């Protein structure tokens, strides 16, 4: 993808001066974080997995591959595609860090999005 900036992933609670725009990619607002917290620049709620998929996955490592496939399919639905395109446009214009409250970043929707945006 031409004109595309780096996409990194991070926990919402961690910050780095190199983060660029920090985009929350969780469907639920993280606990202990105020809505005006400077660690979150933008929230694209509809790019997150559906509640049904999130509950099915339950961050069980053995389900990650299937989760990633199902999640990619959700991003092709009208709601998911619009949110994913909003995220893709951001990546075209600036460095972006996808943030999540999830503990295991490598097994999160942020990791799936990072791969899809690369």
PDB file of N, CA and C in Angstrom:
ATOM      1  N   UNK A   1       0.857  -1.171   0.000  1.00  0.00           N
ATOM      2  CA  UNK A   1       0.000   0.000   0.000  1.00  0.00           C
ATOM      3  C   UNK A   1       0.901   1.231   0.000  1.00  0.00           C
ATOM      4  N   UNK A   2       0.776   2.056  -0.984  1.00  0.00           N
ATOM      5  CA  UNK A   2       1.636   3.229  -1.070  1.00  0.00           C
ATOM      6  C   UNK A   2       1.152   4.304  -0.106  1.00  0.00           C
ATOM      7  N   UNK A   3       2.118   5.092   0.375  1.00  0.00           N
ATOM      8  CA  UNK A   3       1.783   6.183   1.279  1.00  0.00           C
ATOM      9  C   UNK A   3       1.201   5.709   2.588  1.00  0.00           C
ATOM     10  N   UNK A   4       1.685   4.589   3.046  1.00  0.00           N
ATOM     11  CA  UNK A   4       1.124   4.076   4.290  1.00  0.00           C
ATOM     12  C   UNK A   4       2.188   4.119   5.379  1.00  0.00           C
ATOM     13  N   UNK A   5       1.771   4.533   6.545  1.00  0.00           N
ATOM     14  CA  UNK A   5       2.669   4.743   7.677  1.00  0.00           C
ATOM     15  C   UNK A   5       2.713   3.504   8.559  1.00  0.00           C
ATOM     16  N   UNK A   6       3.689   3.451   9.461  1.00  0.00           N
ATOM     17  CA  UNK A   6       3.783   2.292  10.350  1.00  0.00           C
ATOM     18  C   UNK A   6       2.556   2.156  11.250  1.00  0.00           C
ATOM     19  N   UNK A   7       2.196   0.911  11.488  1.00  0.00           N
ATOM     20  CA  UNK A   7       1.104   0.601  12.410  1.00  0.00           C
ATOM     21  C   UNK A   7       1.707  -0.230  13.530  1.00  0.00           C
ATOM     22  N   UNK A   8       1.602   0.267  14.757  1.00  0.00           N
ATOM     23  CA  UNK A   8       2.089  -0.481  15.907  1.00  0.00           C
ATOM     24  C   UNK A   8       0.898  -0.808  16.798  1.00  0.00           C
ATOM     25  N   UNK A   9       1.131  -1.692  17.756  1.00  0.00           N
ATOM     26  CA  UNK A   9       0.086  -2.044  18.713  1.00  0.00           C
ATOM     27  C   UNK A   9       0.625  -1.853  20.125  1.00  0.00           C
ATOM     28  N   UNK A  10      -0.284  -1.528  21.033  1.00  0.00           N
ATOM     29  CA  UNK A  10       0.111  -1.273  22.411  1.00  0.00           C
ATOM     30  C   UNK A  10      -1.089  -1.468  23.319  1.00  0.00           C
ATOM     31  N   UNK A  11      -0.799  -1.703  24.583  1.00  0.00           N
ATOM     32  CA  UNK A  11      -1.882  -1.670  25.564  1.00  0.00           C
ATOM     33  C   UNK A  11      -2.256  -0.215  25.791  1.00  0.00           C
ATOM     34  N   UNK A  12      -3.504   0.042  26.035  1.00  0.00           N
ATOM     35  CA  UNK A  12      -3.998   1.404  26.221  1.00  0.00           C
ATOM     36  C   UNK A  12      -3.297   2.072  27.408  1.00  0.00           C
ATOM     37  N   UNK A  13      -2.842   1.295  28.365  1.00  0.00           N
ATOM     38  CA  UNK A  13      -2.232   1.824  29.580  1.00  0.00           C
ATOM     39  C   UNK A  13      -0.763   2.209  29.385  1.00  0.00           C
ATOM     40  N   UNK A  14      -0.136   1.752  28.294  1.00  0.00           N
ATOM     41  CA  UNK A  14       1.271   2.027  28.008  1.00  0.00           C
ATOM     42  C   UNK A  14       1.374   3.091  26.924  1.00  0.00           C
ATOM     43  N   UNK A  15       2.371   3.942  27.022  1.00  0.00           N
ATOM     44  CA  UNK A  15       2.556   4.969  26.000  1.00  0.00           C
ATOM     45  C   UNK A  15       4.020   5.045  25.592  1.00  0.00           C
ATOM     46  N   UNK A  16       4.228   5.597  24.412  1.00  0.00           N
ATOM     47  CA  UNK A  16       5.567   5.819  23.889  1.00  0.00           C
ATOM     48  C   UNK A  16       5.538   7.133  23.114  1.00  0.00           C
ATOM     49  N   UNK A  17       6.637   7.882  23.114  1.00  0.00           N
ATOM     50  CA  UNK A  17       6.640   9.132  22.348  1.00  0.00           C
ATOM     51  C   UNK A  17       6.506   8.901  20.837  1.00  0.00           C
ATOM     52  N   UNK A  18       6.743   7.684  20.377  1.00  0.00           N
ATOM     53  CA  UNK A  18       6.671   7.367  18.954  1.00  0.00           C
ATOM     54  C   UNK A  18       5.320   6.805  18.525  1.00  0.00           C
ATOM     55  N   UNK A  19       4.313   6.898  19.369  1.00  0.00           N
ATOM     56  CA  UNK A  19       3.025   6.257  19.100  1.00  0.00           C
ATOM     57  C   UNK A  19       2.263   6.838  17.917  1.00  0.00           C
ATOM     58  N   UNK A  20       2.460   8.091  17.583  1.00  0.00           N
ATOM     59  CA  UNK A  20       1.612   8.698  16.562  1.00  0.00           C
ATOM     60  C   UNK A  20       0.199   8.830  17.113  1.00  0.00           C
ATOM     61  N   UNK A  21      -0.797   8.685  16.252  1.00  0.00           N
ATOM     62  CA  UNK A  21      -2.188   8.748  16.713  1.00  0.00           C
ATOM     63  C   UNK A  21      -2.560   7.429  17.364  1.00  0.00           C
ATOM     64  N   UNK A  22      -3.072   7.514  18.591  1.00  0.00           N
ATOM     65  CA  UNK A  22      -3.454   6.309  19.345  1.00  0.00           C
ATOM     66  C   UNK A  22      -4.943   6.067  19.153  1.00  0.00           C
ATOM     67  N   UNK A  23      -5.267   4.913  18.544  1.00  0.00           N
ATOM     68  CA  UNK A  23      -6.652   4.597  18.197  1.00  0.00           C
ATOM     69  C   UNK A  23      -7.103   3.379  19.002  1.00  0.00           C
ATOM     70  N   UNK A  24      -8.111   3.573  19.824  1.00  0.00           N
ATOM     71  CA  UNK A  24      -8.685   2.470  20.594  1.00  0.00           C
ATOM     72  C   UNK A  24      -9.504   1.592  19.658  1.00  0.00           C
ATOM     73  N   UNK A  25      -9.203   0.289  19.647  1.00  0.00           N
ATOM     74  CA  UNK A  25      -9.896  -0.646  18.754  1.00  0.00           C
ATOM     75  C   UNK A  25     -10.690  -1.692  19.535  1.00  0.00           C
ATOM     76  N   UNK A  26     -11.094  -1.347  20.752  1.00  0.00           N
ATOM     77  CA  UNK A  26     -11.946  -2.206  21.577  1.00  0.00           C
ATOM     78  C   UNK A  26     -13.395  -1.757  21.428  1.00  0.00           C
ATOM     79  N   UNK A  27     -14.327  -2.698  21.556  1.00  0.00           N
ATOM     80  CA  UNK A  27     -15.755  -2.353  21.502  1.00  0.00           C
ATOM     81  C   UNK A  27     -16.195  -1.697  22.810  1.00  0.00           C
ATOM     82  N   UNK A  28     -15.573  -2.089  23.912  1.00  0.00           N
ATOM     83  CA  UNK A  28     -15.915  -1.538  25.221  1.00  0.00           C
ATOM     84  C   UNK A  28     -14.833  -0.564  25.666  1.00  0.00           C
ATOM     85  N   UNK A  29     -15.251   0.514  26.328  1.00  0.00           N
ATOM     86  CA  UNK A  29     -14.282   1.473  26.847  1.00  0.00           C
ATOM     87  C   UNK A  29     -13.508   0.811  27.987  1.00  0.00           C
ATOM     88  N   UNK A  30     -12.181   0.979  28.039  1.00  0.00           N
ATOM     89  CA  UNK A  30     -11.380   0.307  29.062  1.00  0.00           C
ATOM     90  C   UNK A  30     -11.651   0.809  30.481  1.00  0.00           C
ATOM     91  N   UNK A  31     -11.614  -0.119  31.404  1.00  0.00           N
ATOM     92  CA  UNK A  31     -11.816   0.214  32.818  1.00  0.00           C
ATOM     93  C   UNK A  31     -10.688   1.125  33.298  1.00  0.00           C
ATOM     94  N   UNK A  32     -11.053   2.044  34.155  1.00  0.00           N
ATOM     95  CA  UNK A  32     -10.063   2.913  34.779  1.00  0.00           C
ATOM     96  C   UNK A  32      -9.544   4.022  33.888  1.00  0.00           C
ATOM     97  N   UNK A  33     -10.128   4.198  32.715  1.00  0.00           N
ATOM     98  CA  UNK A  33      -9.693   5.237  31.775  1.00  0.00           C
ATOM     99  C   UNK A  33     -10.847   6.230  31.590  1.00  0.00           C
ATOM    100  N   UNK A  34     -10.571   7.503  31.826  1.00  0.00           N
ATOM    101  CA  UNK A  34     -11.589   8.536  31.605  1.00  0.00           C
ATOM    102  C   UNK A  34     -11.801   8.732  30.104  1.00  0.00           C
ATOM    103  N   UNK A  35     -12.962   9.198  29.733  1.00  0.00           N
ATOM    104  CA  UNK A  35     -13.269   9.425  28.309  1.00  0.00           C
ATOM    105  C   UNK A  35     -12.369  10.495  27.694  1.00  0.00           C
ATOM    106  N   UNK A  36     -11.815  11.384  28.498  1.00  0.00           N
ATOM    107  CA  UNK A  36     -10.941  12.438  27.974  1.00  0.00           C
ATOM    108  C   UNK A  36      -9.457  12.133  28.220  1.00  0.00           C
ATOM    109  N   UNK A  37      -9.131  10.875  28.475  1.00  0.00           N
ATOM    110  CA  UNK A  37      -7.742  10.497  28.752  1.00  0.00           C
ATOM    111  C   UNK A  37      -6.868  10.764  27.525  1.00  0.00           C
ATOM    112  N   UNK A  38      -5.731  11.428  27.704  1.00  0.00           N
ATOM    113  CA  UNK A  38      -4.864  11.754  26.564  1.00  0.00           C
ATOM    114  C   UNK A  38      -4.172  10.537  25.937  1.00  0.00           C
ATOM    115  N   UNK A  39      -4.286   9.373  26.554  1.00  0.00           N
ATOM    116  CA  UNK A  39      -3.681   8.169  25.973  1.00  0.00           C
ATOM    117  C   UNK A  39      -4.512   7.606  24.820  1.00  0.00           C
ATOM    118  N   UNK A  40      -5.699   8.175  24.598  1.00  0.00           N
ATOM    119  CA  UNK A  40      -6.560   7.749  23.496  1.00  0.00           C
ATOM    120  C   UNK A  40      -6.913   8.978  22.671  1.00  0.00           C
ATOM    121  N   UNK A  41      -6.488   8.980  21.412  1.00  0.00           N
ATOM    122  CA  UNK A  41      -6.795  10.100  20.523  1.00  0.00           C
ATOM    123  C   UNK A  41      -8.121   9.912  19.801  1.00  0.00           C
ATOM    124  N   UNK A  42      -8.457   8.658  19.528  1.00  0.00           N
ATOM    125  CA  UNK A  42      -9.659   8.365  18.743  1.00  0.00           C
ATOM    126  C   UNK A  42     -10.143   6.966  19.125  1.00  0.00           C
ATOM    127  N   UNK A  43     -11.461   6.781  19.080  1.00  0.00           N
ATOM    128  CA  UNK A  43     -12.051   5.467  19.341  1.00  0.00           C
ATOM    129  C   UNK A  43     -12.849   5.068  18.119  1.00  0.00           C
ATOM    130  N   UNK A  44     -12.427   3.991  17.471  1.00  0.00           N
ATOM    131  CA  UNK A  44     -13.185   3.455  16.335  1.00  0.00           C
ATOM    132  C   UNK A  44     -13.829   2.153  16.823  1.00  0.00           C
ATOM    133  N   UNK A  45     -14.927   2.308  17.488  1.00  0.00           N
ATOM    134  CA  UNK A  45     -15.611   1.200  18.160  1.00  0.00           C
ATOM    135  C   UNK A  45     -16.050   0.101  17.197  1.00  0.00           C
ATOM    136  N   UNK A  46     -16.536   0.498  16.019  1.00  0.00           N
ATOM    137  CA  UNK A  46     -17.098  -0.486  15.092  1.00  0.00           C
ATOM    138  C   UNK A  46     -16.050  -1.327  14.373  1.00  0.00           C
ATOM    139  N   UNK A  47     -14.766  -1.028  14.562  1.00  0.00           N
ATOM    140  CA  UNK A  47     -13.726  -1.870  13.968  1.00  0.00           C
ATOM    141  C   UNK A  47     -13.407  -3.053  14.899  1.00  0.00           C
ATOM    142  N   UNK A  48     -13.936  -3.019  16.092  1.00  0.00           N
ATOM    143  CA  UNK A  48     -13.713  -4.101  17.065  1.00  0.00           C
ATOM    144  C   UNK A  48     -14.544  -5.329  16.694  1.00  0.00           C
ATOM    145  N   UNK A  49     -14.128  -6.500  17.162  1.00  0.00           N
ATOM    146  CA  UNK A  49     -14.935  -7.706  16.931  1.00  0.00           C
ATOM    147  C   UNK A  49     -16.314  -7.569  17.580  1.00  0.00           C
ATOM    148  N   UNK A  50     -17.293  -8.252  17.015  1.00  0.00           N
ATOM    149  CA  UNK A  50     -18.640  -8.250  17.600  1.00  0.00           C
ATOM    150  C   UNK A  50     -18.591  -8.830  19.010  1.00  0.00           C
ATOM    151  N   UNK A  51     -19.590  -8.485  19.805  1.00  0.00           N
ATOM    152  CA  UNK A  51     -19.653  -9.043  21.161  1.00  0.00           C
ATOM    153  C   UNK A  51     -19.717 -10.564  21.122  1.00  0.00           C
ATOM    154  N   UNK A  52     -20.460 -11.099  20.148  1.00  0.00           N
ATOM    155  CA  UNK A  52     -20.579 -12.559  20.047  1.00  0.00           C
ATOM    156  C   UNK A  52     -19.218 -13.200  19.769  1.00  0.00           C
ATOM    157  N   UNK A  53     -18.474 -12.639  18.829  1.00  0.00           N
ATOM    158  CA  UNK A  53     -17.159 -13.193  18.501  1.00  0.00           C
ATOM    159  C   UNK A  53     -16.194 -13.026  19.671  1.00  0.00           C
ATOM    160  N   UNK A  54     -16.227 -11.876  20.293  1.00  0.00           N
ATOM    161  CA  UNK A  54     -15.347 -11.613  21.439  1.00  0.00           C
ATOM    162  C   UNK A  54     -15.611 -12.612  22.565  1.00  0.00           C
ATOM    163  N   UNK A  55     -16.884 -12.860  22.855  1.00  0.00           N
ATOM    164  CA  UNK A  55     -17.223 -13.806  23.931  1.00  0.00           C
ATOM    165  C   UNK A  55     -16.845 -15.228  23.548  1.00  0.00           C
ATOM    166  N   UNK A  56     -17.058 -15.608  22.281  1.00  0.00           N
ATOM    167  CA  UNK A  56     -16.686 -16.955  21.830  1.00  0.00           C
ATOM    168  C   UNK A  56     -15.174 -17.158  21.956  1.00  0.00           C
ATOM    169  N   UNK A  57     -14.408 -16.180  21.513  1.00  0.00           N
ATOM    170  CA  UNK A  57     -12.948 -16.285  21.532  1.00  0.00           C
ATOM    171  C   UNK A  57     -12.405 -16.356  22.961  1.00  0.00           C
ATOM    172  N   UNK A  58     -12.843 -15.475  23.829  1.00  0.00           N
ATOM    173  CA  UNK A  58     -12.458 -15.445  25.242  1.00  0.00           C
ATOM    174  C   UNK A  58     -10.943 -15.490  25.435  1.00  0.00           C
ATOM    175  N   UNK A  59     -10.194 -15.008  24.464  1.00  0.00           N
ATOM    176  CA  UNK A  59      -8.724 -14.961  24.504  1.00  0.00           C
ATOM    177  C   UNK A  59      -8.097 -16.327  24.783  1.00  0.00           C
ATOM    178  N   UNK A  60      -8.713 -17.341  24.216  1.00  0.00           N
ATOM    179  CA  UNK A  60      -8.168 -18.702  24.326  1.00  0.00           C
ATOM    180  C   UNK A  60      -7.202 -18.897  23.160  1.00  0.00           C
ATOM    181  N   UNK A  61      -5.905 -19.067  23.447  1.00  0.00           N
ATOM    182  CA  UNK A  61      -4.891 -19.145  22.393  1.00  0.00           C
ATOM    183  C   UNK A  61      -5.198 -20.165  21.306  1.00  0.00           C
ATOM    184  N   UNK A  62      -5.788 -21.288  21.669  1.00  0.00           N
ATOM    185  CA  UNK A  62      -6.076 -22.319  20.674  1.00  0.00           C
ATOM    186  C   UNK A  62      -7.156 -21.886  19.681  1.00  0.00           C
ATOM    187  N   UNK A  63      -7.889 -20.826  19.986  1.00  0.00           N
ATOM    188  CA  UNK A  63      -8.933 -20.321  19.089  1.00  0.00           C
ATOM    189  C   UNK A  63      -8.468 -19.127  18.247  1.00  0.00           C
ATOM    190  N   UNK A  64      -7.230 -18.670  18.438  1.00  0.00           N
ATOM    191  CA  UNK A  64      -6.801 -17.426  17.794  1.00  0.00           C
ATOM    192  C   UNK A  64      -6.889 -17.479  16.274  1.00  0.00           C
ATOM    193  N   UNK A  65      -6.428 -18.548  15.657  1.00  0.00           N
ATOM    194  CA  UNK A  65      -6.446 -18.625  14.181  1.00  0.00           C
ATOM    195  C   UNK A  65      -7.873 -18.496  13.652  1.00  0.00           C
ATOM    196  N   UNK A  66      -8.793 -19.235  14.261  1.00  0.00           N
ATOM    197  CA  UNK A  66     -10.186 -19.159  13.816  1.00  0.00           C
ATOM    198  C   UNK A  66     -10.779 -17.786  14.134  1.00  0.00           C
ATOM    199  N   UNK A  67     -10.417 -17.247  15.290  1.00  0.00           N
ATOM    200  CA  UNK A  67     -10.858 -15.894  15.644  1.00  0.00           C
ATOM    201  C   UNK A  67     -10.416 -14.890  14.574  1.00  0.00           C
ATOM    202  N   UNK A  68      -9.145 -14.958  14.170  1.00  0.00           N
ATOM    203  CA  UNK A  68      -8.613 -14.025  13.173  1.00  0.00           C
ATOM    204  C   UNK A  68      -9.392 -14.140  11.860  1.00  0.00           C
ATOM    205  N   UNK A  69      -9.705 -15.365  11.458  1.00  0.00           N
ATOM    206  CA  UNK A  69     -10.473 -15.569  10.217  1.00  0.00           C
ATOM    207  C   UNK A  69     -11.886 -15.007  10.338  1.00  0.00           C
ATOM    208  N   UNK A  70     -12.550 -15.312  11.451  1.00  0.00           N
ATOM    209  CA  UNK A  70     -13.919 -14.816  11.654  1.00  0.00           C
ATOM    210  C   UNK A  70     -13.939 -13.293  11.755  1.00  0.00           C
ATOM    211  N   UNK A  71     -12.936 -12.752  12.425  1.00  0.00           N
ATOM    212  CA  UNK A  71     -12.845 -11.302  12.584  1.00  0.00           C
ATOM    213  C   UNK A  71     -12.625 -10.629  11.233  1.00  0.00           C
ATOM    214  N   UNK A  72     -11.744 -11.164  10.414  1.00  0.00           N
ATOM    215  CA  UNK A  72     -11.511 -10.610   9.071  1.00  0.00           C
ATOM    216  C   UNK A  72     -12.811 -10.625   8.269  1.00  0.00           C
ATOM    217  N   UNK A  73     -13.608 -11.680   8.422  1.00  0.00           N
ATOM    218  CA  UNK A  73     -14.898 -11.755   7.721  1.00  0.00           C
ATOM    219  C   UNK A  73     -15.845 -10.671   8.237  1.00  0.00           C
ATOM    220  N   UNK A  74     -15.839 -10.413   9.549  1.00  0.00           N
ATOM    221  CA  UNK A  74     -16.685  -9.347  10.094  1.00  0.00           C
ATOM    222  C   UNK A  74     -16.288  -7.982   9.523  1.00  0.00           C
ATOM    223  N   UNK A  75     -15.006  -7.801   9.266  1.00  0.00           N
ATOM    224  CA  UNK A  75     -14.538  -6.518   8.727  1.00  0.00           C
ATOM    225  C   UNK A  75     -14.959  -6.306   7.280  1.00  0.00           C
ATOM    226  N   UNK A  76     -15.533  -7.322   6.666  1.00  0.00           N
ATOM    227  CA  UNK A  76     -16.047  -7.203   5.301  1.00  0.00           C
ATOM    228  C   UNK A  76     -17.539  -6.906   5.267  1.00  0.00           C
ATOM    229  N   UNK A  77     -18.196  -6.928   6.421  1.00  0.00           N
ATOM    230  CA  UNK A  77     -19.611  -6.557   6.486  1.00  0.00           C
ATOM    231  C   UNK A  77     -19.708  -5.035   6.347  1.00  0.00           C
ATOM    232  N   UNK A  78     -20.870  -4.500   5.993  1.00  0.00           N
ATOM    233  CA  UNK A  78     -20.967  -3.039   5.812  1.00  0.00           C
ATOM    234  C   UNK A  78     -20.467  -2.227   7.016  1.00  0.00           C
ATOM    235  N   UNK A  79     -20.884  -2.600   8.223  1.00  0.00           N
ATOM    236  CA  UNK A  79     -20.461  -1.860   9.418  1.00  0.00           C
ATOM    237  C   UNK A  79     -18.955  -1.982   9.624  1.00  0.00           C
ATOM    238  N   UNK A  80     -18.454  -3.203   9.543  1.00  0.00           N
ATOM    239  CA  UNK A  80     -17.027  -3.432   9.745  1.00  0.00           C
ATOM    240  C   UNK A  80     -16.179  -2.794   8.664  1.00  0.00           C
ATOM    241  N   UNK A  81     -16.646  -2.865   7.422  1.00  0.00           N
ATOM    242  CA  UNK A  81     -15.871  -2.315   6.303  1.00  0.00           C
ATOM    243  C   UNK A  81     -15.744  -0.799   6.419  1.00  0.00           C
ATOM    244  N   UNK A  82     -16.792  -0.130   6.835  1.00  0.00           N
ATOM    245  CA  UNK A  82     -16.739   1.332   6.978  1.00  0.00           C
ATOM    246  C   UNK A  82     -15.736   1.721   8.064  1.00  0.00           C
ATOM    247  N   UNK A  83     -15.772   1.012   9.176  1.00  0.00           N
ATOM    248  CA  UNK A  83     -14.842   1.312  10.271  1.00  0.00           C
ATOM    249  C   UNK A  83     -13.405   0.977   9.863  1.00  0.00           C
ATOM    250  N   UNK A  84     -13.217  -0.145   9.171  1.00  0.00           N
ATOM    251  CA  UNK A  84     -11.877  -0.532   8.726  1.00  0.00           C
ATOM    252  C   UNK A  84     -11.334   0.488   7.722  1.00  0.00           C
ATOM    253  N   UNK A  85     -12.195   1.001   6.860  1.00  0.00           N
ATOM    254  CA  UNK A  85     -11.753   2.011   5.889  1.00  0.00           C
ATOM    255  C   UNK A  85     -11.354   3.300   6.594  1.00  0.00           C
ATOM    256  N   UNK A  86     -12.075   3.677   7.650  1.00  0.00           N
ATOM    257  CA  UNK A  86     -11.699   4.859   8.440  1.00  0.00           C
ATOM    258  C   UNK A  86     -10.296   4.670   9.016  1.00  0.00           C
ATOM    259  N   UNK A  87     -10.032   3.482   9.532  1.00  0.00           N
ATOM    260  CA  UNK A  87      -8.716   3.172  10.077  1.00  0.00           C
ATOM    261  C   UNK A  87      -7.650   3.176   8.983  1.00  0.00           C
ATOM    262  N   UNK A  88      -7.961   2.596   7.851  1.00  0.00           N
ATOM    263  CA  UNK A  88      -7.025   2.556   6.718  1.00  0.00           C
ATOM    264  C   UNK A  88      -6.666   3.971   6.258  1.00  0.00           C
ATOM    265  N   UNK A  89      -7.641   4.869   6.235  1.00  0.00           N
ATOM    266  CA  UNK A  89      -7.383   6.264   5.851  1.00  0.00           C
ATOM    267  C   UNK A  89      -6.423   6.933   6.829  1.00  0.00           C
ATOM    268  N   UNK A  90      -6.593   6.671   8.108  1.00  0.00           N
ATOM    269  CA  UNK A  90      -5.671   7.231   9.103  1.00  0.00           C
ATOM    270  C   UNK A  90      -4.242   6.770   8.834  1.00  0.00           C
ATOM    271  N   UNK A  91      -4.087   5.479   8.574  1.00  0.00           N
ATOM    272  CA  UNK A  91      -2.757   4.896   8.342  1.00  0.00           C
ATOM    273  C   UNK A  91      -2.109   5.500   7.095  1.00  0.00           C
ATOM    274  N   UNK A  92      -2.921   5.902   6.144  1.00  0.00           N
ATOM    275  CA  UNK A  92      -2.377   6.533   4.935  1.00  0.00           C
ATOM    276  C   UNK A  92      -1.794   7.911   5.233  1.00  0.00           C
ATOM    277  N   UNK A  93      -2.274   8.554   6.289  1.00  0.00           N
ATOM    278  CA  UNK A  93      -1.889   9.940   6.535  1.00  0.00           C
ATOM    279  C   UNK A  93      -0.921  10.152   7.698  1.00  0.00           C
ATOM    280  N   UNK A  94      -0.780   9.167   8.581  1.00  0.00           N
ATOM    281  CA  UNK A  94       0.066   9.377   9.765  1.00  0.00           C
ATOM    282  C   UNK A  94       0.407   8.057  10.435  1.00  0.00           C
ATOM    283  N   UNK A  95       1.446   8.028  11.275  1.00  0.00           N
ATOM    284  CA  UNK A  95       1.719   6.835  12.074  1.00  0.00           C
ATOM    285  C   UNK A  95       0.572   6.600  13.057  1.00  0.00           C
ATOM    286  N   UNK A  96       0.216   5.345  13.236  1.00  0.00           N
ATOM    287  CA  UNK A  96      -0.908   4.977  14.097  1.00  0.00           C
ATOM    288  C   UNK A  96      -0.485   3.862  15.041  1.00  0.00           C
ATOM    289  N   UNK A  97      -0.929   3.972  16.288  1.00  0.00           N
ATOM    290  CA  UNK A  97      -0.799   2.878  17.245  1.00  0.00           C
ATOM    291  C   UNK A  97      -2.203   2.415  17.603  1.00  0.00           C
ATOM    292  N   UNK A  98      -2.459   1.141  17.359  1.00  0.00           N
ATOM    293  CA  UNK A  98      -3.741   0.536  17.726  1.00  0.00           C
ATOM    294  C   UNK A  98      -3.642   0.150  19.193  1.00  0.00           C
ATOM    295  N   UNK A  99      -4.550   0.660  20.011  1.00  0.00           N
ATOM    296  CA  UNK A  99      -4.489   0.376  21.441  1.00  0.00           C
ATOM    297  C   UNK A  99      -5.692  -0.445  21.874  1.00  0.00           C
ATOM    298  N   UNK A 100      -5.425  -1.292  22.859  1.00  0.00           N
ATOM    299  CA  UNK A 100      -6.435  -2.193  23.393  1.00  0.00           C
ATOM    300  C   UNK A 100      -6.162  -2.411  24.876  1.00  0.00           C
ATOM    301  N   UNK A 101      -7.192  -2.771  25.616  1.00  0.00           N
ATOM    302  CA  UNK A 101      -7.022  -3.100  27.029  1.00  0.00           C
ATOM    303  C   UNK A 101      -6.590  -4.556  27.207  1.00  0.00           C
ATOM    304  N   UNK A 102      -6.614  -5.317  26.136  1.00  0.00           N
ATOM    305  CA  UNK A 102      -6.259  -6.734  26.181  1.00  0.00           C
ATOM    306  C   UNK A 102      -4.849  -6.925  26.716  1.00  0.00           C
ATOM    307  N   UNK A 103      -4.669  -7.934  27.556  1.00  0.00           N
ATOM    308  CA  UNK A 103      -3.341  -8.181  28.139  1.00  0.00           C
ATOM    309  C   UNK A 103      -2.369  -8.771  27.133  1.00  0.00           C
ATOM    310  N   UNK A 104      -2.817  -9.714  26.325  1.00  0.00           N
ATOM    311  CA  UNK A 104      -1.929 -10.401  25.386  1.00  0.00           C
ATOM    312  C   UNK A 104      -2.071  -9.784  23.998  1.00  0.00           C
ATOM    313  N   UNK A 105      -1.196  -8.845  23.689  1.00  0.00           N
ATOM    314  CA  UNK A 105      -1.300  -8.117  22.426  1.00  0.00           C
ATOM    315  C   UNK A 105      -1.209  -9.011  21.206  1.00  0.00           C
ATOM    316  N   UNK A 106      -0.346 -10.005  21.248  1.00  0.00           N
ATOM    317  CA  UNK A 106      -0.122 -10.854  20.073  1.00  0.00           C
ATOM    318  C   UNK A 106      -1.323 -11.724  19.736  1.00  0.00           C
ATOM    319  N   UNK A 107      -2.234 -11.887  20.679  1.00  0.00           N
ATOM    320  CA  UNK A 107      -3.431 -12.702  20.454  1.00  0.00           C
ATOM    321  C   UNK A 107      -4.696 -11.827  20.489  1.00  0.00           C
ATOM    322  N   UNK A 108      -4.553 -10.574  20.084  1.00  0.00           N
ATOM    323  CA  UNK A 108      -5.668  -9.623  20.169  1.00  0.00           C
ATOM    324  C   UNK A 108      -6.149  -9.196  18.794  1.00  0.00           C
ATOM    325  N   UNK A 109      -7.292  -8.512  18.780  1.00  0.00           N
ATOM    326  CA  UNK A 109      -7.796  -7.954  17.530  1.00  0.00           C
ATOM    327  C   UNK A 109      -6.842  -6.892  17.003  1.00  0.00           C
ATOM    328  N   UNK A 110      -6.096  -6.230  17.874  1.00  0.00           N
ATOM    329  CA  UNK A 110      -5.116  -5.229  17.416  1.00  0.00           C
ATOM    330  C   UNK A 110      -4.043  -5.893  16.548  1.00  0.00           C
ATOM    331  N   UNK A 111      -3.616  -7.091  16.926  1.00  0.00           N
ATOM    332  CA  UNK A 111      -2.614  -7.811  16.127  1.00  0.00           C
ATOM    333  C   UNK A 111      -3.192  -8.199  14.771  1.00  0.00           C
ATOM    334  N   UNK A 112      -4.457  -8.612  14.739  1.00  0.00           N
ATOM    335  CA  UNK A 112      -5.102  -8.967  13.473  1.00  0.00           C
ATOM    336  C   UNK A 112      -5.196  -7.726  12.579  1.00  0.00           C
ATOM    337  N   UNK A 113      -5.622  -6.611  13.161  1.00  0.00           N
ATOM    338  CA  UNK A 113      -5.728  -5.374  12.380  1.00  0.00           C
ATOM    339  C   UNK A 113      -4.367  -4.925  11.869  1.00  0.00           C
ATOM    340  N   UNK A 114      -3.356  -5.023  12.723  1.00  0.00           N
ATOM    341  CA  UNK A 114      -1.999  -4.629  12.309  1.00  0.00           C
ATOM    342  C   UNK A 114      -1.569  -5.423  11.074  1.00  0.00           C
ATOM    343  N   UNK A 115      -1.827  -6.718  11.096  1.00  0.00           N
ATOM    344  CA  UNK A 115      -1.464  -7.567   9.959  1.00  0.00           C
ATOM    345  C   UNK A 115      -2.266  -7.180   8.703  1.00  0.00           C
ATOM    346  N   UNK A 116      -3.554  -6.931   8.868  1.00  0.00           N
ATOM    347  CA  UNK A 116      -4.397  -6.566   7.731  1.00  0.00           C
ATOM    348  C   UNK A 116      -4.015  -5.214   7.131  1.00  0.00           C
ATOM    349  N   UNK A 117      -3.490  -4.326   7.954  1.00  0.00           N
ATOM    350  CA  UNK A 117      -3.119  -2.993   7.496  1.00  0.00           C
ATOM    351  C   UNK A 117      -1.699  -2.913   6.940  1.00  0.00           C
ATOM    352  N   UNK A 118      -0.927  -3.960   7.127  1.00  0.00           N
ATOM    353  CA  UNK A 118       0.474  -3.961   6.656  1.00  0.00           C
ATOM    354  C   UNK A 118       0.597  -4.295   5.197  1.00  0.00           C
TER     355      UNK A 118
END
